[in-house]
Amino acid sequence: MCSATTCPVVLFNEPLVLDGVYLNRSGAAVDVLVELRGDQGQLHKTQTIGIPPLDLSPTDPARNPVEESRLAFYRDDFVLVLDATGQPVGTRADFVRDANGRVAWLRLGGRLYQHIG
């Protein structure tokens, strides 16, 4: 097993099946929205923190602050979080599938984000 900073990064041809919007609505005072899109064999991640109720429209004024990073695959459904320079930040994440094999959750930083679209 590799550590969060030593896993080899693998470029996947089709990360688009993991594209989408993931929401952490844990009952805390803050909702966190993660948007992923395929980009050059990796995933571009935009994470938005908002005060509930979080309106999912792009014009929602509560949609800040925003944090951007990249997710690089090191095996199927498992990724390293990279900073803006492409260096690992020491965090891993994975995609959790339902009984039908569809991505249902993103597990990141000890939290579960439900795939909502």
PDB file of N, CA and C in Angstrom:
ATOM      1  N   MET A   1       0.854  -1.191   0.000  1.00  0.00           N
ATOM      2  CA  MET A   1       0.000   0.000   0.000  1.00  0.00           C
ATOM      3  C   MET A   1       0.886   1.236   0.000  1.00  0.00           C
ATOM      4  N   CYS A   2       0.470   2.237  -0.703  1.00  0.00           N
ATOM      5  CA  CYS A   2       1.230   3.475  -0.766  1.00  0.00           C
ATOM      6  C   CYS A   2       0.620   4.509   0.177  1.00  0.00           C
ATOM      7  N   SER A   3       1.412   5.529   0.481  1.00  0.00           N
ATOM      8  CA  SER A   3       0.902   6.607   1.331  1.00  0.00           C
ATOM      9  C   SER A   3       0.234   7.666   0.463  1.00  0.00           C
ATOM     10  N   ALA A   4      -0.367   8.634   1.103  1.00  0.00           N
ATOM     11  CA  ALA A   4      -1.078   9.680   0.362  1.00  0.00           C
ATOM     12  C   ALA A   4      -0.144  10.583  -0.424  1.00  0.00           C
ATOM     13  N   THR A   5       1.153  10.494  -0.194  1.00  0.00           N
ATOM     14  CA  THR A   5       2.086  11.319  -0.960  1.00  0.00           C
ATOM     15  C   THR A   5       2.973  10.501  -1.879  1.00  0.00           C
ATOM     16  N   THR A   6       2.923   9.163  -1.817  1.00  0.00           N
ATOM     17  CA  THR A   6       3.814   8.352  -2.634  1.00  0.00           C
ATOM     18  C   THR A   6       3.111   7.460  -3.634  1.00  0.00           C
ATOM     19  N   CYS A   7       1.792   7.501  -3.729  1.00  0.00           N
ATOM     20  CA  CYS A   7       1.067   6.667  -4.685  1.00  0.00           C
ATOM     21  C   CYS A   7       1.389   7.133  -6.104  1.00  0.00           C
ATOM     22  N   PRO A   8       1.616   6.189  -7.022  1.00  0.00           N
ATOM     23  CA  PRO A   8       1.831   6.609  -8.406  1.00  0.00           C
ATOM     24  C   PRO A   8       0.534   7.143  -8.991  1.00  0.00           C
ATOM     25  N   VAL A   9       0.637   8.231  -9.724  1.00  0.00           N
ATOM     26  CA  VAL A   9      -0.546   8.843 -10.337  1.00  0.00           C
ATOM     27  C   VAL A   9      -0.789   8.173 -11.683  1.00  0.00           C
ATOM     28  N   VAL A  10      -2.024   7.780 -11.942  1.00  0.00           N
ATOM     29  CA  VAL A  10      -2.407   7.107 -13.167  1.00  0.00           C
ATOM     30  C   VAL A  10      -3.399   7.990 -13.902  1.00  0.00           C
ATOM     31  N   LEU A  11      -3.183   8.214 -15.187  1.00  0.00           N
ATOM     32  CA  LEU A  11      -4.133   8.972 -15.978  1.00  0.00           C
ATOM     33  C   LEU A  11      -5.158   8.015 -16.566  1.00  0.00           C
ATOM     34  N   PHE A  12      -6.426   8.308 -16.363  1.00  0.00           N
ATOM     35  CA  PHE A  12      -7.498   7.485 -16.897  1.00  0.00           C
ATOM     36  C   PHE A  12      -8.079   8.172 -18.113  1.00  0.00           C
ATOM     37  N   ASN A  13      -8.466   7.384 -19.094  1.00  0.00           N
ATOM     38  CA  ASN A  13      -9.040   7.951 -20.305  1.00  0.00           C
ATOM     39  C   ASN A  13     -10.475   8.408 -20.116  1.00  0.00           C
ATOM     40  N   GLU A  14     -11.202   7.809 -19.156  1.00  0.00           N
ATOM     41  CA  GLU A  14     -12.616   8.125 -19.025  1.00  0.00           C
ATOM     42  C   GLU A  14     -13.033   8.420 -17.586  1.00  0.00           C
ATOM     43  N   PRO A  15     -12.531   9.493 -16.959  1.00  0.00           N
ATOM     44  CA  PRO A  15     -13.006   9.824 -15.622  1.00  0.00           C
ATOM     45  C   PRO A  15     -14.397  10.450 -15.645  1.00  0.00           C
ATOM     46  N   LEU A  16     -14.974  10.604 -16.841  1.00  0.00           N
ATOM     47  CA  LEU A  16     -16.254  11.289 -16.959  1.00  0.00           C
ATOM     48  C   LEU A  16     -17.386  10.569 -16.238  1.00  0.00           C
ATOM     49  N   VAL A  17     -17.270   9.260 -16.028  1.00  0.00           N
ATOM     50  CA  VAL A  17     -18.333   8.552 -15.316  1.00  0.00           C
ATOM     51  C   VAL A  17     -18.421   9.011 -13.868  1.00  0.00           C
ATOM     52  N   LEU A  18     -17.402   9.689 -13.381  1.00  0.00           N
ATOM     53  CA  LEU A  18     -17.386  10.196 -12.011  1.00  0.00           C
ATOM     54  C   LEU A  18     -17.702  11.678 -11.953  1.00  0.00           C
ATOM     55  N   ASP A  19     -17.858  12.317 -13.118  1.00  0.00           N
ATOM     56  CA  ASP A  19     -18.260  13.726 -13.160  1.00  0.00           C
ATOM     57  C   ASP A  19     -19.561  13.895 -12.396  1.00  0.00           C
ATOM     58  N   GLY A  20     -19.765  15.082 -11.867  1.00  0.00           N
ATOM     59  CA  GLY A  20     -21.045  15.356 -11.253  1.00  0.00           C
ATOM     60  C   GLY A  20     -20.940  16.247 -10.049  1.00  0.00           C
ATOM     61  N   VAL A  21     -22.038  16.304  -9.320  1.00  0.00           N
ATOM     62  CA  VAL A  21     -22.152  17.146  -8.140  1.00  0.00           C
ATOM     63  C   VAL A  21     -22.368  16.239  -6.939  1.00  0.00           C
ATOM     64  N   TYR A  22     -21.617  16.506  -5.881  1.00  0.00           N
ATOM     65  CA  TYR A  22     -21.678  15.734  -4.644  1.00  0.00           C
ATOM     66  C   TYR A  22     -21.955  16.703  -3.501  1.00  0.00           C
ATOM     67  N   LEU A  23     -22.835  16.326  -2.587  1.00  0.00           N
ATOM     68  CA  LEU A  23     -23.240  17.226  -1.512  1.00  0.00           C
ATOM     69  C   LEU A  23     -23.055  16.563  -0.163  1.00  0.00           C
ATOM     70  N   ASN A  24     -22.422  17.287   0.775  1.00  0.00           N
ATOM     71  CA  ASN A  24     -22.330  16.858   2.166  1.00  0.00           C
ATOM     72  C   ASN A  24     -23.280  17.722   2.956  1.00  0.00           C
ATOM     73  N   ARG A  25     -24.344  17.122   3.408  1.00  0.00           N
ATOM     74  CA  ARG A  25     -25.347  17.820   4.212  1.00  0.00           C
ATOM     75  C   ARG A  25     -25.469  17.019   5.499  1.00  0.00           C
ATOM     76  N   SER A  26     -24.487  17.188   6.373  1.00  0.00           N
ATOM     77  CA  SER A  26     -24.352  16.343   7.552  1.00  0.00           C
ATOM     78  C   SER A  26     -25.169  16.819   8.739  1.00  0.00           C
ATOM     79  N   GLY A  27     -25.957  17.856   8.570  1.00  0.00           N
ATOM     80  CA  GLY A  27     -26.705  18.393   9.695  1.00  0.00           C
ATOM     81  C   GLY A  27     -25.915  19.457  10.442  1.00  0.00           C
ATOM     82  N   ALA A  28     -24.695  19.682  10.017  1.00  0.00           N
ATOM     83  CA  ALA A  28     -23.883  20.737  10.619  1.00  0.00           C
ATOM     84  C   ALA A  28     -24.390  22.094  10.127  1.00  0.00           C
ATOM     85  N   ALA A  29     -23.779  23.139  10.600  1.00  0.00           N
ATOM     86  CA  ALA A  29     -24.214  24.491  10.238  1.00  0.00           C
ATOM     87  C   ALA A  29     -23.874  24.850   8.796  1.00  0.00           C
ATOM     88  N   VAL A  30     -23.048  24.035   8.144  1.00  0.00           N
ATOM     89  CA  VAL A  30     -22.560  24.371   6.815  1.00  0.00           C
ATOM     90  C   VAL A  30     -22.742  23.186   5.875  1.00  0.00           C
ATOM     91  N   ASP A  31     -23.252  23.433   4.668  1.00  0.00           N
ATOM     92  CA  ASP A  31     -23.288  22.430   3.603  1.00  0.00           C
ATOM     93  C   ASP A  31     -22.039  22.605   2.760  1.00  0.00           C
ATOM     94  N   VAL A  32     -21.540  21.503   2.213  1.00  0.00           N
ATOM     95  CA  VAL A  32     -20.386  21.564   1.323  1.00  0.00           C
ATOM     96  C   VAL A  32     -20.771  20.891   0.010  1.00  0.00           C
ATOM     97  N   LEU A  33     -20.563  21.603  -1.071  1.00  0.00           N
ATOM     98  CA  LEU A  33     -20.885  21.116  -2.402  1.00  0.00           C
ATOM     99  C   LEU A  33     -19.579  20.882  -3.159  1.00  0.00           C
ATOM    100  N   VAL A  34     -19.409  19.703  -3.745  1.00  0.00           N
ATOM    101  CA  VAL A  34     -18.225  19.372  -4.534  1.00  0.00           C
ATOM    102  C   VAL A  34     -18.675  19.094  -5.959  1.00  0.00           C
ATOM    103  N   GLU A  35     -18.085  19.812  -6.905  1.00  0.00           N
ATOM    104  CA  GLU A  35     -18.364  19.590  -8.319  1.00  0.00           C
ATOM    105  C   GLU A  35     -17.104  19.023  -8.962  1.00  0.00           C
ATOM    106  N   LEU A  36     -17.268  17.928  -9.718  1.00  0.00           N
ATOM    107  CA  LEU A  36     -16.147  17.275 -10.380  1.00  0.00           C
ATOM    108  C   LEU A  36     -16.390  17.253 -11.881  1.00  0.00           C
ATOM    109  N   ARG A  37     -15.315  17.473 -12.633  1.00  0.00           N
ATOM    110  CA  ARG A  37     -15.411  17.328 -14.083  1.00  0.00           C
ATOM    111  C   ARG A  37     -14.089  16.762 -14.595  1.00  0.00           C
ATOM    112  N   GLY A  38     -14.210  15.879 -15.582  1.00  0.00           N
ATOM    113  CA  GLY A  38     -13.029  15.263 -16.174  1.00  0.00           C
ATOM    114  C   GLY A  38     -12.174  16.285 -16.878  1.00  0.00           C
ATOM    115  N   ASP A  39     -10.843  16.151 -16.710  1.00  0.00           N
ATOM    116  CA  ASP A  39      -9.920  17.089 -17.332  1.00  0.00           C
ATOM    117  C   ASP A  39      -8.561  16.419 -17.481  1.00  0.00           C
ATOM    118  N   GLN A  40      -8.185  16.075 -18.698  1.00  0.00           N
ATOM    119  CA  GLN A  40      -6.876  15.512 -19.016  1.00  0.00           C
ATOM    120  C   GLN A  40      -6.568  14.271 -18.196  1.00  0.00           C
ATOM    121  N   GLY A  41      -7.527  13.358 -18.100  1.00  0.00           N
ATOM    122  CA  GLY A  41      -7.316  12.094 -17.406  1.00  0.00           C
ATOM    123  C   GLY A  41      -7.405  12.174 -15.899  1.00  0.00           C
ATOM    124  N   GLN A  42      -7.723  13.349 -15.376  1.00  0.00           N
ATOM    125  CA  GLN A  42      -7.903  13.546 -13.943  1.00  0.00           C
ATOM    126  C   GLN A  42      -9.275  14.173 -13.723  1.00  0.00           C
ATOM    127  N   LEU A  43      -9.564  14.556 -12.498  1.00  0.00           N
ATOM    128  CA  LEU A  43     -10.794  15.271 -12.201  1.00  0.00           C
ATOM    129  C   LEU A  43     -10.450  16.644 -11.638  1.00  0.00           C
ATOM    130  N   HIS A  44     -11.124  17.668 -12.134  1.00  0.00           N
ATOM    131  CA  HIS A  44     -10.993  19.005 -11.576  1.00  0.00           C
ATOM    132  C   HIS A  44     -12.071  19.134 -10.506  1.00  0.00           C
ATOM    133  N   LYS A  45     -11.674  19.539  -9.287  1.00  0.00           N
ATOM    134  CA  LYS A  45     -12.611  19.610  -8.163  1.00  0.00           C
ATOM    135  C   LYS A  45     -12.812  21.062  -7.758  1.00  0.00           C
ATOM    136  N   THR A  46     -14.080  21.465  -7.678  1.00  0.00           N
ATOM    137  CA  THR A  46     -14.444  22.760  -7.126  1.00  0.00           C
ATOM    138  C   THR A  46     -15.305  22.489  -5.901  1.00  0.00           C
ATOM    139  N   GLN A  47     -14.846  22.954  -4.752  1.00  0.00           N
ATOM    140  CA  GLN A  47     -15.562  22.733  -3.494  1.00  0.00           C
ATOM    141  C   GLN A  47     -16.087  24.061  -2.993  1.00  0.00           C
ATOM    142  N   THR A  48     -17.400  24.110  -2.763  1.00  0.00           N
ATOM    143  CA  THR A  48     -18.059  25.340  -2.333  1.00  0.00           C
ATOM    144  C   THR A  48     -18.676  25.124  -0.966  1.00  0.00           C
ATOM    145  N   ILE A  49     -18.431  26.059  -0.078  1.00  0.00           N
ATOM    146  CA  ILE A  49     -18.982  25.991   1.272  1.00  0.00           C
ATOM    147  C   ILE A  49     -20.089  27.024   1.370  1.00  0.00           C
ATOM    148  N   GLY A  50     -21.255  26.608   1.858  1.00  0.00           N
ATOM    149  CA  GLY A  50     -22.385  27.520   1.956  1.00  0.00           C
ATOM    150  C   GLY A  50     -23.199  27.275   3.208  1.00  0.00           C
ATOM    151  N   ILE A  51     -23.928  28.261   3.625  1.00  0.00           N
ATOM    152  CA  ILE A  51     -24.791  28.166   4.795  1.00  0.00           C
ATOM    153  C   ILE A  51     -26.143  27.616   4.337  1.00  0.00           C
ATOM    154  N   PRO A  52     -26.693  26.602   5.010  1.00  0.00           N
ATOM    155  CA  PRO A  52     -28.007  26.081   4.598  1.00  0.00           C
ATOM    156  C   PRO A  52     -29.087  27.141   4.738  1.00  0.00           C
ATOM    157  N   PRO A  53     -30.142  27.092   3.949  1.00  0.00           N
ATOM    158  CA  PRO A  53     -30.303  26.111   2.871  1.00  0.00           C
ATOM    159  C   PRO A  53     -29.490  26.532   1.648  1.00  0.00           C
ATOM    160  N   LEU A  54     -28.713  25.618   1.136  1.00  0.00           N
ATOM    161  CA  LEU A  54     -27.848  25.898  -0.006  1.00  0.00           C
ATOM    162  C   LEU A  54     -28.647  25.750  -1.288  1.00  0.00           C
ATOM    163  N   ASP A  55     -28.784  26.836  -2.022  1.00  0.00           N
ATOM    164  CA  ASP A  55     -29.443  26.816  -3.317  1.00  0.00           C
ATOM    165  C   ASP A  55     -28.398  26.354  -4.321  1.00  0.00           C
ATOM    166  N   LEU A  56     -28.707  25.343  -5.112  1.00  0.00           N
ATOM    167  CA  LEU A  56     -27.722  24.778  -6.030  1.00  0.00           C
ATOM    168  C   LEU A  56     -27.582  25.558  -7.322  1.00  0.00           C
ATOM    169  N   SER A  57     -28.245  26.703  -7.436  1.00  0.00           N
ATOM    170  CA  SER A  57     -28.113  27.508  -8.651  1.00  0.00           C
ATOM    171  C   SER A  57     -26.793  28.277  -8.625  1.00  0.00           C
ATOM    172  N   PRO A  58     -26.189  28.509  -9.797  1.00  0.00           N
ATOM    173  CA  PRO A  58     -24.895  29.198  -9.843  1.00  0.00           C
ATOM    174  C   PRO A  58     -24.947  30.647  -9.374  1.00  0.00           C
ATOM    175  N   THR A  59     -26.128  31.219  -9.245  1.00  0.00           N
ATOM    176  CA  THR A  59     -26.221  32.612  -8.818  1.00  0.00           C
ATOM    177  C   THR A  59     -26.421  32.749  -7.310  1.00  0.00           C
ATOM    178  N   ASP A  60     -26.427  31.647  -6.583  1.00  0.00           N
ATOM    179  CA  ASP A  60     -26.637  31.678  -5.136  1.00  0.00           C
ATOM    180  C   ASP A  60     -25.503  32.461  -4.469  1.00  0.00           C
ATOM    181  N   PRO A  61     -25.788  33.560  -3.757  1.00  0.00           N
ATOM    182  CA  PRO A  61     -24.730  34.355  -3.127  1.00  0.00           C
ATOM    183  C   PRO A  61     -24.042  33.615  -1.982  1.00  0.00           C
ATOM    184  N   ALA A  62     -24.640  32.549  -1.458  1.00  0.00           N
ATOM    185  CA  ALA A  62     -24.015  31.798  -0.370  1.00  0.00           C
ATOM    186  C   ALA A  62     -22.953  30.837  -0.868  1.00  0.00           C
ATOM    187  N   ARG A  63     -22.733  30.789  -2.180  1.00  0.00           N
ATOM    188  CA  ARG A  63     -21.801  29.822  -2.744  1.00  0.00           C
ATOM    189  C   ARG A  63     -20.357  30.301  -2.657  1.00  0.00           C
ATOM    190  N   ASN A  64     -19.889  30.572  -1.476  1.00  0.00           N
ATOM    191  CA  ASN A  64     -18.482  30.889  -1.300  1.00  0.00           C
ATOM    192  C   ASN A  64     -18.094  30.563   0.123  1.00  0.00           C
ATOM    193  N   PRO A  65     -16.899  30.370   0.520  1.00  0.00           N
ATOM    194  CA  PRO A  65     -15.719  30.402  -0.350  1.00  0.00           C
ATOM    195  C   PRO A  65     -15.634  29.155  -1.229  1.00  0.00           C
ATOM    196  N   VAL A  66     -14.814  29.277  -2.273  1.00  0.00           N
ATOM    197  CA  VAL A  66     -14.617  28.188  -3.230  1.00  0.00           C
ATOM    198  C   VAL A  66     -13.159  27.757  -3.171  1.00  0.00           C
ATOM    199  N   GLU A  67     -12.963  26.444  -3.170  1.00  0.00           N
ATOM    200  CA  GLU A  67     -11.613  25.869  -3.174  1.00  0.00           C
ATOM    201  C   GLU A  67     -11.491  24.972  -4.393  1.00  0.00           C
ATOM    202  N   GLU A  68     -10.401  25.099  -5.140  1.00  0.00           N
ATOM    203  CA  GLU A  68     -10.198  24.274  -6.326  1.00  0.00           C
ATOM    204  C   GLU A  68      -8.965  23.410  -6.161  1.00  0.00           C
ATOM    205  N   SER A  69      -9.045  22.189  -6.687  1.00  0.00           N
ATOM    206  CA  SER A  69      -7.913  21.277  -6.690  1.00  0.00           C
ATOM    207  C   SER A  69      -8.143  20.242  -7.779  1.00  0.00           C
ATOM    208  N   ARG A  70      -7.246  19.280  -7.863  1.00  0.00           N
ATOM    209  CA  ARG A  70      -7.363  18.200  -8.849  1.00  0.00           C
ATOM    210  C   ARG A  70      -7.348  16.877  -8.113  1.00  0.00           C
ATOM    211  N   LEU A  71      -7.985  15.889  -8.717  1.00  0.00           N
ATOM    212  CA  LEU A  71      -7.966  14.534  -8.189  1.00  0.00           C
ATOM    213  C   LEU A  71      -7.297  13.644  -9.225  1.00  0.00           C
ATOM    214  N   ALA A  72      -6.244  12.947  -8.810  1.00  0.00           N
ATOM    215  CA  ALA A  72      -5.493  12.077  -9.710  1.00  0.00           C
ATOM    216  C   ALA A  72      -5.674  10.629  -9.269  1.00  0.00           C
ATOM    217  N   PHE A  73      -6.042   9.780 -10.206  1.00  0.00           N
ATOM    218  CA  PHE A  73      -6.284   8.377  -9.896  1.00  0.00           C
ATOM    219  C   PHE A  73      -4.987   7.620  -9.644  1.00  0.00           C
ATOM    220  N   TYR A  74      -4.992   6.754  -8.633  1.00  0.00           N
ATOM    221  CA  TYR A  74      -3.883   5.819  -8.463  1.00  0.00           C
ATOM    222  C   TYR A  74      -4.364   4.387  -8.555  1.00  0.00           C
ATOM    223  N   ARG A  75      -5.673   4.164  -8.605  1.00  0.00           N
ATOM    224  CA  ARG A  75      -6.313   2.897  -8.960  1.00  0.00           C
ATOM    225  C   ARG A  75      -7.800   3.187  -9.149  1.00  0.00           C
ATOM    226  N   ASP A  76      -8.541   2.211  -9.646  1.00  0.00           N
ATOM    227  CA  ASP A  76      -9.966   2.427  -9.904  1.00  0.00           C
ATOM    228  C   ASP A  76     -10.663   2.973  -8.669  1.00  0.00           C
ATOM    229  N   ASP A  77     -11.383   4.075  -8.836  1.00  0.00           N
ATOM    230  CA  ASP A  77     -12.214   4.700  -7.802  1.00  0.00           C
ATOM    231  C   ASP A  77     -11.430   5.306  -6.640  1.00  0.00           C
ATOM    232  N   PHE A  78     -10.116   5.354  -6.692  1.00  0.00           N
ATOM    233  CA  PHE A  78      -9.290   5.924  -5.628  1.00  0.00           C
ATOM    234  C   PHE A  78      -8.417   7.029  -6.205  1.00  0.00           C
ATOM    235  N   VAL A  79      -8.399   8.184  -5.517  1.00  0.00           N
ATOM    236  CA  VAL A  79      -7.677   9.351  -6.024  1.00  0.00           C
ATOM    237  C   VAL A  79      -6.830  10.014  -4.944  1.00  0.00           C
ATOM    238  N   LEU A  80      -5.815  10.724  -5.404  1.00  0.00           N
ATOM    239  CA  LEU A  80      -5.034  11.621  -4.555  1.00  0.00           C
ATOM    240  C   LEU A  80      -5.499  13.040  -4.823  1.00  0.00           C
ATOM    241  N   VAL A  81      -5.546  13.860  -3.794  1.00  0.00           N
ATOM    242  CA  VAL A  81      -5.870  15.274  -3.965  1.00  0.00           C
ATOM    243  C   VAL A  81      -4.566  16.012  -4.244  1.00  0.00           C
ATOM    244  N   LEU A  82      -4.556  16.803  -5.315  1.00  0.00           N
ATOM    245  CA  LEU A  82      -3.375  17.559  -5.727  1.00  0.00           C
ATOM    246  C   LEU A  82      -3.637  19.046  -5.576  1.00  0.00           C
ATOM    247  N   ASP A  83      -2.572  19.799  -5.278  1.00  0.00           N
ATOM    248  CA  ASP A  83      -2.703  21.254  -5.213  1.00  0.00           C
ATOM    249  C   ASP A  83      -2.619  21.848  -6.620  1.00  0.00           C
ATOM    250  N   ALA A  84      -2.611  23.159  -6.716  1.00  0.00           N
ATOM    251  CA  ALA A  84      -2.599  23.843  -8.008  1.00  0.00           C
ATOM    252  C   ALA A  84      -1.346  23.553  -8.829  1.00  0.00           C
ATOM    253  N   THR A  85      -0.245  23.176  -8.167  1.00  0.00           N
ATOM    254  CA  THR A  85       0.989  22.864  -8.887  1.00  0.00           C
ATOM    255  C   THR A  85       1.090  21.397  -9.267  1.00  0.00           C
ATOM    256  N   GLY A  86       0.082  20.596  -8.886  1.00  0.00           N
ATOM    257  CA  GLY A  86       0.091  19.173  -9.212  1.00  0.00           C
ATOM    258  C   GLY A  86       0.747  18.306  -8.165  1.00  0.00           C
ATOM    259  N   GLN A  87       1.088  18.887  -7.024  1.00  0.00           N
ATOM    260  CA  GLN A  87       1.725  18.124  -5.949  1.00  0.00           C
ATOM    261  C   GLN A  87       0.672  17.562  -4.997  1.00  0.00           C
ATOM    262  N   PRO A  88       0.849  16.311  -4.530  1.00  0.00           N
ATOM    263  CA  PRO A  88      -0.098  15.739  -3.568  1.00  0.00           C
ATOM    264  C   PRO A  88      -0.121  16.551  -2.274  1.00  0.00           C
ATOM    265  N   VAL A  89      -1.320  16.742  -1.723  1.00  0.00           N
ATOM    266  CA  VAL A  89      -1.468  17.488  -0.475  1.00  0.00           C
ATOM    267  C   VAL A  89      -1.546  16.564   0.737  1.00  0.00           C
ATOM    268  N   GLY A  90      -1.451  15.245   0.506  1.00  0.00           N
ATOM    269  CA  GLY A  90      -1.483  14.296   1.618  1.00  0.00           C
ATOM    270  C   GLY A  90      -2.863  13.769   1.937  1.00  0.00           C
ATOM    271  N   THR A  91      -3.812  13.971   1.028  1.00  0.00           N
ATOM    272  CA  THR A  91      -5.187  13.506   1.231  1.00  0.00           C
ATOM    273  C   THR A  91      -5.580  12.576   0.098  1.00  0.00           C
ATOM    274  N   ARG A  92      -6.247  11.487   0.464  1.00  0.00           N
ATOM    275  CA  ARG A  92      -6.800  10.576  -0.530  1.00  0.00           C
ATOM    276  C   ARG A  92      -8.320  10.624  -0.450  1.00  0.00           C
ATOM    277  N   ALA A  93      -8.973  10.194  -1.512  1.00  0.00           N
ATOM    278  CA  ALA A  93     -10.433  10.109  -1.552  1.00  0.00           C
ATOM    279  C   ALA A  93     -10.800   8.884  -2.370  1.00  0.00           C
ATOM    280  N   ASP A  94     -12.054   8.459  -2.230  1.00  0.00           N
ATOM    281  CA  ASP A  94     -12.510   7.340  -3.044  1.00  0.00           C
ATOM    282  C   ASP A  94     -13.994   7.483  -3.339  1.00  0.00           C
ATOM    283  N   PHE A  95     -14.425   6.773  -4.373  1.00  0.00           N
ATOM    284  CA  PHE A  95     -15.817   6.775  -4.786  1.00  0.00           C
ATOM    285  C   PHE A  95     -16.452   5.484  -4.307  1.00  0.00           C
ATOM    286  N   VAL A  96     -17.618   5.598  -3.672  1.00  0.00           N
ATOM    287  CA  VAL A  96     -18.336   4.448  -3.127  1.00  0.00           C
ATOM    288  C   VAL A  96     -19.507   4.166  -4.049  1.00  0.00           C
ATOM    289  N   ARG A  97     -19.604   2.928  -4.494  1.00  0.00           N
ATOM    290  CA  ARG A  97     -20.651   2.546  -5.449  1.00  0.00           C
ATOM    291  C   ARG A  97     -21.806   1.855  -4.745  1.00  0.00           C
ATOM    292  N   ASP A  98     -22.999   1.960  -5.344  1.00  0.00           N
ATOM    293  CA  ASP A  98     -24.168   1.273  -4.811  1.00  0.00           C
ATOM    294  C   ASP A  98     -24.181  -0.175  -5.311  1.00  0.00           C
ATOM    295  N   ALA A  99     -25.215  -0.922  -4.959  1.00  0.00           N
ATOM    296  CA  ALA A  99     -25.311  -2.340  -5.325  1.00  0.00           C
ATOM    297  C   ALA A  99     -25.365  -2.554  -6.837  1.00  0.00           C
ATOM    298  N   ASN A 100     -25.756  -1.518  -7.595  1.00  0.00           N
ATOM    299  CA  ASN A 100     -25.826  -1.619  -9.053  1.00  0.00           C
ATOM    300  C   ASN A 100     -24.554  -1.149  -9.750  1.00  0.00           C
ATOM    301  N   GLY A 101     -23.538  -0.774  -8.972  1.00  0.00           N
ATOM    302  CA  GLY A 101     -22.274  -0.337  -9.544  1.00  0.00           C
ATOM    303  C   GLY A 101     -22.201   1.130  -9.895  1.00  0.00           C
ATOM    304  N   ARG A 102     -23.248   1.894  -9.606  1.00  0.00           N
ATOM    305  CA  ARG A 102     -23.234   3.335  -9.869  1.00  0.00           C
ATOM    306  C   ARG A 102     -22.568   4.069  -8.703  1.00  0.00           C
ATOM    307  N   VAL A 103     -21.892   5.157  -9.005  1.00  0.00           N
ATOM    308  CA  VAL A 103     -21.269   5.958  -7.949  1.00  0.00           C
ATOM    309  C   VAL A 103     -22.367   6.623  -7.136  1.00  0.00           C
ATOM    310  N   ALA A 104     -22.367   6.366  -5.834  1.00  0.00           N
ATOM    311  CA  ALA A 104     -23.377   6.928  -4.937  1.00  0.00           C
ATOM    312  C   ALA A 104     -22.793   7.985  -4.007  1.00  0.00           C
ATOM    313  N   TRP A 105     -21.518   7.850  -3.678  1.00  0.00           N
ATOM    314  CA  TRP A 105     -20.884   8.728  -2.695  1.00  0.00           C
ATOM    315  C   TRP A 105     -19.438   9.012  -3.077  1.00  0.00           C
ATOM    316  N   LEU A 106     -18.959  10.163  -2.632  1.00  0.00           N
ATOM    317  CA  LEU A 106     -17.539  10.507  -2.645  1.00  0.00           C
ATOM    318  C   LEU A 106     -17.117  10.574  -1.184  1.00  0.00           C
ATOM    319  N   ARG A 107     -16.095   9.795  -0.822  1.00  0.00           N
ATOM    320  CA  ARG A 107     -15.571   9.841   0.546  1.00  0.00           C
ATOM    321  C   ARG A 107     -14.288  10.670   0.491  1.00  0.00           C
ATOM    322  N   LEU A 108     -14.295  11.820   1.179  1.00  0.00           N
ATOM    323  CA  LEU A 108     -13.185  12.774   1.105  1.00  0.00           C
ATOM    324  C   LEU A 108     -13.011  13.443   2.460  1.00  0.00           C
ATOM    325  N   GLY A 109     -11.819  13.397   2.996  1.00  0.00           N
ATOM    326  CA  GLY A 109     -11.533  14.086   4.254  1.00  0.00           C
ATOM    327  C   GLY A 109     -12.386  13.617   5.420  1.00  0.00           C
ATOM    328  N   GLY A 110     -12.716  12.328   5.448  1.00  0.00           N
ATOM    329  CA  GLY A 110     -13.508  11.795   6.552  1.00  0.00           C
ATOM    330  C   GLY A 110     -14.992  12.093   6.448  1.00  0.00           C
ATOM    331  N   ARG A 111     -15.416  12.634   5.325  1.00  0.00           N
ATOM    332  CA  ARG A 111     -16.836  12.964   5.133  1.00  0.00           C
ATOM    333  C   ARG A 111     -17.363  12.254   3.896  1.00  0.00           C
ATOM    334  N   LEU A 112     -18.668  11.988   3.906  1.00  0.00           N
ATOM    335  CA  LEU A 112     -19.336  11.414   2.743  1.00  0.00           C
ATOM    336  C   LEU A 112     -20.119  12.501   2.026  1.00  0.00           C
ATOM    337  N   TYR A 113     -19.957  12.539   0.708  1.00  0.00           N
ATOM    338  CA  TYR A 113     -20.667  13.484  -0.140  1.00  0.00           C
ATOM    339  C   TYR A 113     -21.567  12.662  -1.066  1.00  0.00           C
ATOM    340  N   GLN A 114     -22.863  12.887  -0.991  1.00  0.00           N
ATOM    341  CA  GLN A 114     -23.811  12.142  -1.810  1.00  0.00           C
ATOM    342  C   GLN A 114     -23.789  12.636  -3.252  1.00  0.00           C
ATOM    343  N   HIS A 115     -23.744  11.713  -4.196  1.00  0.00           N
ATOM    344  CA  HIS A 115     -23.789  12.063  -5.621  1.00  0.00           C
ATOM    345  C   HIS A 115     -25.215  12.483  -5.950  1.00  0.00           C
ATOM    346  N   ILE A 116     -25.407  13.750  -6.303  1.00  0.00           N
ATOM    347  CA  ILE A 116     -26.759  14.256  -6.541  1.00  0.00           C
ATOM    348  C   ILE A 116     -26.997  14.662  -7.995  1.00  0.00           C
ATOM    349  N   GLY A 117     -26.024  14.501  -8.841  1.00  0.00           N
ATOM    350  CA  GLY A 117     -26.250  14.844 -10.246  1.00  0.00           C
ATOM    351  C   GLY A 117     -25.000  14.984 -11.038  1.00  0.00           C
TER     352      GLY A 117
END
